Amino acid sequence: MRVIDWSEFASPKRAPPEAQPAPLALTVGVFDGLHLGHQALIRRICAEGSCVPAAVTFRRNPMAKLRPEAFAGDIYSLERKLLLLEELGVRLAVLIDFSREFSNMNGRDFADLLLGSRPARLLALGRDFRCGRGLDAGAAELEGFARARGVEAWIAPPVTDGGRPVSSSRIRQALAAGRIAEAERLLGRPYGLELGAPRQYPIGGDKTWL
């Protein structure tokens, strides 16, 4: 799996005329824990034929800056998240630094960069996805932006457990309360502490076109 910064993704080098980059099948989110709901999105982009499955995510959860008093911490480290994305079949991971400049971008401008910087065929989103300054754009708005560009949009149906949506916040609550079996059920894998040196993913590099 290749890992690049958002700045490189949004301002790509021009491919030589003879190089025809494969279109991307994109999904976007924080993906903390990569739980069953996230896995549905990853499966969808990985099923999109000759496209490169690409996940756009964050180096650090935006809530750590937006609401630090309410942020209970990440379920997994960035390195663990990248490893799981690769295991699930993602071939390109794009990392966003939630800077002041990025946080001031509205949803339409984000969509324009997301879908206009590189060829894209599919955008897969969770139903509750929101982005942009003041969270001004949700999944429905991005679906419209995508279709206006000729990009297929897929909004994932709800993934529930016990009649309640699967979510990262629910997993954090279960872990905090010691309900490990519940957390593992929502994650779709055993939960364990991260010990030892994690795998390091080099960022960027010369291979711009996949």
Protein backbone atom coordinates (compact mmCIF):
# COMPACT_ATOMS: atom_id res chain seq x y z
CA MET A 1 0.00 0.00 0.00
CA ARG A 2 1.24 3.46 -0.86
CA VAL A 3 0.75 6.30 1.64
CA ILE A 4 0.77 9.97 0.62
CA ASP A 5 -0.11 13.31 2.17
CA TRP A 6 -3.28 15.16 1.21
CA SER A 7 -1.12 17.96 -0.22
CA GLU A 8 0.44 15.52 -2.68
CA PHE A 9 -2.93 13.99 -3.54
CA ALA A 10 -4.63 17.35 -4.12
CA SER A 11 -1.74 18.72 -6.20
CA PRO A 12 -0.48 15.71 -8.18
CA LYS A 13 2.38 15.75 -10.63
CA ARG A 14 1.21 15.50 -14.19
CA ALA A 15 1.51 12.02 -15.61
CA PRO A 16 3.49 11.62 -18.82
CA PRO A 17 1.26 11.39 -21.91
CA GLU A 18 1.87 7.64 -22.29
CA ALA A 19 0.89 6.92 -18.68
CA GLN A 20 -2.81 6.44 -18.07
CA PRO A 21 -3.44 6.31 -14.32
CA ALA A 22 -6.01 3.81 -13.13
CA PRO A 23 -9.15 5.49 -11.79
CA LEU A 24 -9.68 5.54 -8.04
CA ALA A 25 -12.48 4.03 -5.98
CA LEU A 26 -12.50 6.36 -2.97
CA THR A 27 -13.78 6.32 0.55
CA VAL A 28 -13.30 9.02 3.20
CA GLY A 29 -13.44 8.99 6.98
CA VAL A 30 -11.60 8.95 10.28
CA PHE A 31 -11.82 5.13 10.31
CA ASP A 32 -10.89 4.81 13.97
CA GLY A 33 -10.99 1.12 14.80
CA LEU A 34 -11.92 0.12 11.24
CA HIS A 35 -15.06 -1.51 12.61
CA LEU A 36 -17.76 -3.44 10.73
CA GLY A 37 -19.29 -0.26 9.27
CA HIS A 38 -15.94 0.91 7.94
CA GLN A 39 -15.25 -2.54 6.54
CA ALA A 40 -18.41 -2.34 4.43
CA LEU A 41 -17.03 0.79 2.76
CA ILE A 42 -13.64 -0.83 2.15
CA ARG A 43 -15.26 -3.92 0.63
CA ARG A 44 -17.23 -1.71 -1.75
CA ILE A 45 -14.23 0.18 -3.09
CA CYS A 46 -12.18 -3.02 -3.38
CA ALA A 47 -14.94 -4.57 -5.49
CA GLU A 48 -14.81 -1.83 -8.11
CA GLY A 49 -13.14 -3.67 -10.95
CA SER A 50 -9.95 -2.12 -12.32
CA CYS A 51 -9.99 0.84 -9.93
CA VAL A 52 -7.35 1.50 -7.28
CA PRO A 53 -9.00 1.25 -3.82
CA ALA A 54 -8.10 4.45 -1.98
CA ALA A 55 -8.92 5.59 1.56
CA VAL A 56 -8.68 9.25 2.55
CA THR A 57 -8.27 9.58 6.31
CA PHE A 58 -6.64 11.65 9.05
CA ARG A 59 -3.31 11.47 10.81
CA ARG A 60 -5.10 12.49 13.99
CA ASN A 61 -8.79 12.40 14.81
CA PRO A 62 -10.21 15.91 14.14
CA MET A 63 -12.13 15.68 17.42
CA ALA A 64 -8.80 15.93 19.25
CA LYS A 65 -8.66 19.55 18.06
CA LEU A 66 -12.32 20.41 17.73
CA ARG A 67 -13.47 19.06 21.11
CA PRO A 68 -10.40 17.98 23.09
CA GLU A 69 -12.34 17.98 26.36
CA ALA A 70 -14.72 15.33 25.00
CA PHE A 71 -12.22 13.26 23.01
CA ALA A 72 -11.53 9.94 24.74
CA GLY A 73 -8.59 8.95 22.53
CA ASP A 74 -8.12 6.75 19.48
CA ILE A 75 -8.99 3.06 19.41
CA TYR A 76 -5.91 2.31 17.30
CA SER A 77 -2.72 4.17 16.46
CA LEU A 78 -2.21 5.57 12.96
CA GLU A 79 0.27 2.78 12.19
CA ARG A 80 -2.27 0.12 13.22
CA LYS A 81 -4.98 1.80 11.13
CA LEU A 82 -2.73 1.82 8.07
CA LEU A 83 -1.83 -1.84 8.57
CA LEU A 84 -5.51 -2.80 8.77
CA LEU A 85 -6.37 -0.73 5.69
CA GLU A 86 -3.69 -2.60 3.77
CA GLU A 87 -4.91 -5.98 5.06
CA LEU A 88 -8.44 -5.10 3.93
CA GLY A 89 -7.21 -4.42 0.38
CA VAL A 90 -6.62 -0.66 0.21
CA ARG A 91 -3.80 0.22 -2.19
CA LEU A 92 -3.58 3.97 -1.60
CA ALA A 93 -3.98 5.79 1.72
CA VAL A 94 -4.15 9.58 1.80
CA LEU A 95 -3.40 11.28 5.12
CA ILE A 96 -4.92 14.65 6.04
CA ASP A 97 -3.39 16.92 8.66
CA PHE A 98 -6.34 18.67 10.25
CA SER A 99 -4.75 22.11 10.07
CA ARG A 100 -6.48 25.48 10.45
CA GLU A 101 -6.31 25.90 6.67
CA PHE A 102 -7.95 22.53 6.07
CA SER A 103 -10.62 23.09 8.74
CA ASN A 104 -11.66 26.34 7.01
CA MET A 105 -12.36 24.58 3.71
CA ASN A 106 -16.03 24.21 2.85
CA GLY A 107 -17.51 20.91 1.77
CA ARG A 108 -17.81 21.75 -1.93
CA ASP A 109 -14.16 22.81 -2.17
CA PHE A 110 -13.11 19.60 -0.41
CA ALA A 111 -15.21 17.56 -2.85
CA ASP A 112 -13.70 19.41 -5.81
CA LEU A 113 -10.18 18.51 -4.65
CA LEU A 114 -11.15 14.97 -3.69
CA LEU A 115 -12.81 14.16 -7.00
CA GLY A 116 -11.03 16.53 -9.35
CA SER A 117 -7.37 16.00 -8.54
CA ARG A 118 -7.15 12.45 -9.89
CA PRO A 119 -9.42 10.28 -12.04
CA ALA A 120 -12.17 8.77 -9.87
CA ARG A 121 -14.95 6.31 -10.67
CA LEU A 122 -16.55 5.67 -7.27
CA LEU A 123 -17.04 7.51 -3.97
CA ALA A 124 -18.26 5.37 -1.05
CA LEU A 125 -19.47 7.12 2.10
CA GLY A 126 -21.11 6.33 5.39
CA ARG A 127 -24.65 7.65 5.78
CA ASP A 128 -23.61 9.96 8.65
CA PHE A 129 -20.51 11.36 6.92
CA ARG A 130 -20.12 15.14 7.11
CA CYS A 131 -17.28 17.46 6.13
CA GLY A 132 -16.42 21.08 5.51
CA ARG A 133 -16.33 24.16 7.67
CA GLY A 134 -19.17 23.94 10.15
CA LEU A 135 -19.88 20.45 8.72
CA ASP A 136 -21.72 22.15 5.89
CA ALA A 137 -21.79 19.09 3.59
CA GLY A 138 -23.11 15.62 4.32
CA ALA A 139 -23.25 12.39 2.39
CA ALA A 140 -26.21 13.59 0.30
CA GLU A 141 -24.38 16.76 -0.77
CA LEU A 142 -21.23 14.83 -1.67
CA GLU A 143 -23.34 12.36 -3.60
CA GLY A 144 -24.62 15.28 -5.67
CA PHE A 145 -21.13 16.72 -6.18
CA ALA A 146 -19.88 13.29 -7.29
CA ARG A 147 -22.68 12.65 -9.76
CA ALA A 148 -22.21 16.11 -11.27
CA ARG A 149 -18.67 14.99 -12.10
CA GLY A 150 -19.77 11.65 -13.49
CA VAL A 151 -18.54 9.76 -10.44
CA GLU A 152 -20.74 7.03 -8.99
CA ALA A 153 -21.66 7.61 -5.34
CA TRP A 154 -22.52 4.80 -2.95
CA ILE A 155 -23.97 5.53 0.47
CA ALA A 156 -23.54 2.54 2.75
CA PRO A 157 -26.67 1.15 4.40
CA PRO A 158 -26.58 1.21 8.22
CA VAL A 159 -24.58 -1.52 9.93
CA THR A 160 -26.15 -2.36 13.28
CA ASP A 161 -25.57 -4.63 16.23
CA GLY A 162 -28.36 -5.34 18.67
CA GLY A 163 -30.53 -2.79 16.91
CA ARG A 164 -27.99 0.01 17.41
CA PRO A 165 -25.56 1.48 14.87
CA VAL A 166 -21.97 0.27 14.96
CA SER A 167 -19.74 3.28 15.67
CA SER A 168 -16.29 4.15 16.98
CA SER A 169 -17.80 6.03 19.94
CA ARG A 170 -19.80 2.95 20.92
CA ILE A 171 -16.62 0.86 20.81
CA ARG A 172 -14.79 3.38 23.01
CA GLN A 173 -17.64 3.25 25.51
CA ALA A 174 -17.56 -0.54 25.55
CA LEU A 175 -13.79 -0.62 26.10
CA ALA A 176 -14.00 1.99 28.87
CA ALA A 177 -16.64 -0.11 30.63
CA GLY A 178 -14.66 -3.33 30.23
CA ARG A 179 -17.15 -4.85 27.77
CA ILE A 180 -14.41 -6.35 25.62
CA ALA A 181 -16.62 -8.97 23.97
CA GLU A 182 -18.98 -6.24 22.75
CA ALA A 183 -16.09 -4.15 21.42
CA GLU A 184 -14.64 -7.15 19.59
CA ARG A 185 -18.02 -7.93 18.06
CA LEU A 186 -18.30 -4.38 16.71
CA LEU A 187 -14.70 -4.37 15.50
CA GLY A 188 -15.06 -7.75 13.82
CA ARG A 189 -11.71 -8.85 15.27
CA PRO A 190 -10.03 -9.49 18.63
CA TYR A 191 -8.98 -6.37 20.48
CA GLY A 192 -5.48 -6.14 21.91
CA LEU A 193 -2.99 -3.60 23.16
CA GLU A 194 -0.32 -2.51 20.70
CA LEU A 195 3.08 -3.64 21.94
CA GLY A 196 6.42 -3.43 20.22
CA ALA A 197 7.53 -1.32 17.28
CA PRO A 198 4.74 -0.81 14.73
CA ARG A 199 5.35 -1.10 11.01
CA GLN A 200 6.40 2.22 9.52
CA TYR A 201 4.89 3.40 6.26
CA PRO A 202 7.05 5.79 4.23
CA ILE A 203 5.06 8.81 3.07
CA GLY A 204 5.11 9.92 -0.56
CA GLY A 205 7.90 8.95 -2.90
CA ASP A 206 8.49 9.03 -6.62
CA LYS A 207 5.71 6.68 -7.66
CA THR A 208 2.93 9.22 -8.17
CA TRP A 209 0.80 7.22 -10.60
CA LEU A 210 -0.51 3.80 -9.61
